[in-house]
Amino acid sequence: MVKFINLTPHTIYLNDGRKFEPSGQIARVSNQFKEVDLVDDVIIYEVTYGDIENLPEPDTDVIYLVSNLVLEAGKKKNRWDLVAPATGHPDCIRNEQGQIVSVPGFVM
C-alpha cells in the first residue's frame, strides 16, 4: 500500500472527506531575488528558482504531497513520486470567500 506524506505546511482535504495532515517537514524551492525596476515607488524583482530543499529521497512506497512549484521543479529532476493538490480543477470546493476548501485529487 502506498503512503502519502504531506510536505506542505497546510492540511490538504479531498472532496471525499479524506485529509492529509502536514508531516512537519516542508519541501520548498530555493529562490533569489534581484531588484530590476521601481514603478510608482513599488519595487519590481526578478526571481530565479534553484534547488528543492527538504525533499526526501524517493521511496517506492511513498508519494509526497508538495506545492505546485516544488512539483514543477521535481519534474526537471525526474521525480516520479511527487503530486500537488489539483487546485485548478473545476470540481474544487470553495468557501464563501472563494478560497479552496478541498480538491478532487492530485496532479502529477
C-alpha atoms as a PDB file:
ATOM      1  CA  MET A   1       0.000   0.000   0.000  1.00  0.00           C
ATOM      2  CA  VAL A   2       1.268   3.467  -0.904  1.00  0.00           C
ATOM      3  CA  LYS A   3       1.652   6.074   1.827  1.00  0.00           C
ATOM      4  CA  PHE A   4       1.043   9.790   1.192  1.00  0.00           C
ATOM      5  CA  ILE A   5       3.314  12.202   3.085  1.00  0.00           C
ATOM      6  CA  ASN A   6       2.309  15.861   3.105  1.00  0.00           C
ATOM      7  CA  LEU A   7       5.375  18.096   2.683  1.00  0.00           C
ATOM      8  CA  THR A   8       3.328  21.330   2.682  1.00  0.00           C
ATOM      9  CA  PRO A   9       2.535  23.481   5.738  1.00  0.00           C
ATOM     10  CA  HIS A  10      -1.237  23.020   5.224  1.00  0.00           C
ATOM     11  CA  THR A  11      -3.735  20.234   5.789  1.00  0.00           C
ATOM     12  CA  ILE A  12      -4.950  19.041   2.392  1.00  0.00           C
ATOM     13  CA  TYR A  13      -8.587  17.994   2.140  1.00  0.00           C
ATOM     14  CA  LEU A  14     -10.064  15.863  -0.637  1.00  0.00           C
ATOM     15  CA  ASN A  15     -13.686  16.284  -1.728  1.00  0.00           C
ATOM     16  CA  ASP A  16     -14.444  12.752  -0.467  1.00  0.00           C
ATOM     17  CA  GLY A  17     -13.588  13.775   3.123  1.00  0.00           C
ATOM     18  CA  ARG A  18     -10.070  12.390   3.385  1.00  0.00           C
ATOM     19  CA  LYS A  19      -7.453  14.717   4.791  1.00  0.00           C
ATOM     20  CA  PHE A  20      -3.675  14.754   4.815  1.00  0.00           C
ATOM     21  CA  GLU A  21      -2.061  16.498   7.771  1.00  0.00           C
ATOM     22  CA  PRO A  22       1.308  18.265   7.365  1.00  0.00           C
ATOM     23  CA  SER A  23       4.242  15.995   8.216  1.00  0.00           C
ATOM     24  CA  GLY A  24       6.202  18.811   9.846  1.00  0.00           C
ATOM     25  CA  GLN A  25       8.730  18.782   7.004  1.00  0.00           C
ATOM     26  CA  ILE A  26       8.184  21.382   4.275  1.00  0.00           C
ATOM     27  CA  ALA A  27       9.662  20.963   0.781  1.00  0.00           C
ATOM     28  CA  ARG A  28      10.424  24.296  -0.863  1.00  0.00           C
ATOM     29  CA  VAL A  29      12.242  25.604  -3.923  1.00  0.00           C
ATOM     30  CA  SER A  30      15.094  27.956  -3.125  1.00  0.00           C
ATOM     31  CA  ASN A  31      14.980  31.359  -4.805  1.00  0.00           C
ATOM     32  CA  GLN A  32      16.991  34.516  -5.292  1.00  0.00           C
ATOM     33  CA  PHE A  33      15.608  37.986  -5.936  1.00  0.00           C
ATOM     34  CA  LYS A  34      17.183  40.775  -7.976  1.00  0.00           C
ATOM     35  CA  GLU A  35      15.728  44.276  -7.989  1.00  0.00           C
ATOM     36  CA  VAL A  36      15.109  45.257 -11.622  1.00  0.00           C
ATOM     37  CA  ASP A  37      12.815  48.292 -11.565  1.00  0.00           C
ATOM     38  CA  LEU A  38      10.913  50.804  -9.483  1.00  0.00           C
ATOM     39  CA  VAL A  39       7.396  51.736 -10.636  1.00  0.00           C
ATOM     40  CA  ASP A  40       5.401  54.297  -8.632  1.00  0.00           C
ATOM     41  CA  ASP A  41       7.509  53.516  -5.553  1.00  0.00           C
ATOM     42  CA  VAL A  42       6.901  49.767  -5.968  1.00  0.00           C
ATOM     43  CA  ILE A  43       9.986  47.581  -6.332  1.00  0.00           C
ATOM     44  CA  ILE A  44       9.846  45.041  -9.178  1.00  0.00           C
ATOM     45  CA  TYR A  45      12.003  41.924  -8.725  1.00  0.00           C
ATOM     46  CA  GLU A  46      13.241  39.181 -10.986  1.00  0.00           C
ATOM     47  CA  VAL A  47      13.186  35.810  -9.258  1.00  0.00           C
ATOM     48  CA  THR A  48      15.457  32.878 -10.057  1.00  0.00           C
ATOM     49  CA  TYR A  49      14.488  29.455  -8.727  1.00  0.00           C
ATOM     50  CA  GLY A  50      17.065  26.948  -7.548  1.00  0.00           C
ATOM     51  CA  ASP A  51      17.102  23.543  -5.923  1.00  0.00           C
ATOM     52  CA  ILE A  52      14.377  21.805  -3.965  1.00  0.00           C
ATOM     53  CA  GLU A  53      15.028  21.933  -0.232  1.00  0.00           C
ATOM     54  CA  ASN A  54      13.846  19.384   2.375  1.00  0.00           C
ATOM     55  CA  LEU A  55      12.716  16.779  -0.147  1.00  0.00           C
ATOM     56  CA  PRO A  56      13.354  13.180   0.969  1.00  0.00           C
ATOM     57  CA  GLU A  57      14.858  10.653  -1.409  1.00  0.00           C
ATOM     58  CA  PRO A  58      12.367   8.648  -3.492  1.00  0.00           C
ATOM     59  CA  ASP A  59      10.756   5.641  -1.808  1.00  0.00           C
ATOM     60  CA  THR A  60       8.739   3.161  -3.868  1.00  0.00           C
ATOM     61  CA  ASP A  61       6.015   3.036  -1.197  1.00  0.00           C
ATOM     62  CA  VAL A  62       5.646   6.811  -0.703  1.00  0.00           C
ATOM     63  CA  ILE A  63       4.040   9.635  -2.675  1.00  0.00           C
ATOM     64  CA  TYR A  64       4.950  13.117  -1.473  1.00  0.00           C
ATOM     65  CA  LEU A  65       2.312  15.870  -1.463  1.00  0.00           C
ATOM     66  CA  VAL A  66       4.032  19.123  -2.413  1.00  0.00           C
ATOM     67  CA  SER A  67       3.254  22.593  -3.756  1.00  0.00           C
ATOM     68  CA  ASN A  68       2.868  23.126  -7.493  1.00  0.00           C
ATOM     69  CA  LEU A  69       6.202  24.974  -7.555  1.00  0.00           C
ATOM     70  CA  VAL A  70       8.005  22.009  -5.964  1.00  0.00           C
ATOM     71  CA  LEU A  71       6.182  19.638  -8.322  1.00  0.00           C
ATOM     72  CA  GLU A  72       7.374  21.561 -11.389  1.00  0.00           C
ATOM     73  CA  ALA A  73      10.954  21.696 -10.073  1.00  0.00           C
ATOM     74  CA  GLY A  74      10.751  17.980  -9.326  1.00  0.00           C
ATOM     75  CA  LYS A  75       9.757  17.178 -12.914  1.00  0.00           C
ATOM     76  CA  LYS A  76      13.099  18.598 -14.041  1.00  0.00           C
ATOM     77  CA  LYS A  77      14.784  16.104 -11.686  1.00  0.00           C
ATOM     78  CA  ASN A  78      12.628  13.185 -12.920  1.00  0.00           C
ATOM     79  CA  ARG A  79      10.904  12.836  -9.547  1.00  0.00           C
ATOM     80  CA  TRP A  80       8.027  10.448 -10.247  1.00  0.00           C
ATOM     81  CA  ASP A  81       6.933  10.429  -6.593  1.00  0.00           C
ATOM     82  CA  LEU A  82       5.539  13.978  -6.313  1.00  0.00           C
ATOM     83  CA  VAL A  83       1.951  15.195  -6.602  1.00  0.00           C
ATOM     84  CA  ALA A  84       0.265  18.511  -5.821  1.00  0.00           C
ATOM     85  CA  PRO A  85      -3.339  19.402  -4.977  1.00  0.00           C
ATOM     86  CA  ALA A  86      -5.475  19.830  -8.115  1.00  0.00           C
ATOM     87  CA  THR A  87      -6.335  23.432  -7.229  1.00  0.00           C
ATOM     88  CA  GLY A  88      -7.189  24.393 -10.814  1.00  0.00           C
ATOM     89  CA  HIS A  89      -9.729  21.609 -11.255  1.00  0.00           C
ATOM     90  CA  PRO A  90     -13.344  22.740 -11.795  1.00  0.00           C
ATOM     91  CA  ASP A  91     -14.563  20.358  -9.068  1.00  0.00           C
ATOM     92  CA  CYS A  92     -12.688  22.119  -6.255  1.00  0.00           C
ATOM     93  CA  ILE A  93     -14.958  23.070  -3.379  1.00  0.00           C
ATOM     94  CA  ARG A  94     -14.705  26.709  -2.311  1.00  0.00           C
ATOM     95  CA  ASN A  95     -15.967  28.656   0.692  1.00  0.00           C
ATOM     96  CA  GLU A  96     -17.981  31.899   0.613  1.00  0.00           C
ATOM     97  CA  GLN A  97     -14.783  33.939   0.091  1.00  0.00           C
ATOM     98  CA  GLY A  98     -13.813  31.831  -2.924  1.00  0.00           C
ATOM     99  CA  GLN A  99     -10.953  30.073  -1.123  1.00  0.00           C
ATOM    100  CA  ILE A 100     -10.383  26.401  -1.887  1.00  0.00           C
ATOM    101  CA  VAL A 101     -11.621  24.124   0.892  1.00  0.00           C
ATOM    102  CA  SER A 102     -10.999  20.785  -0.804  1.00  0.00           C
ATOM    103  CA  VAL A 103      -9.802  19.328  -4.094  1.00  0.00           C
ATOM    104  CA  PRO A 104     -10.992  16.296  -6.080  1.00  0.00           C
ATOM    105  CA  GLY A 105      -7.498  14.795  -6.229  1.00  0.00           C
ATOM    106  CA  PHE A 106      -3.890  15.456  -7.112  1.00  0.00           C
ATOM    107  CA  VAL A 107      -1.914  16.374 -10.225  1.00  0.00           C
ATOM    108  CA  MET A 108       1.446  14.993 -11.291  1.00  0.00           C
END
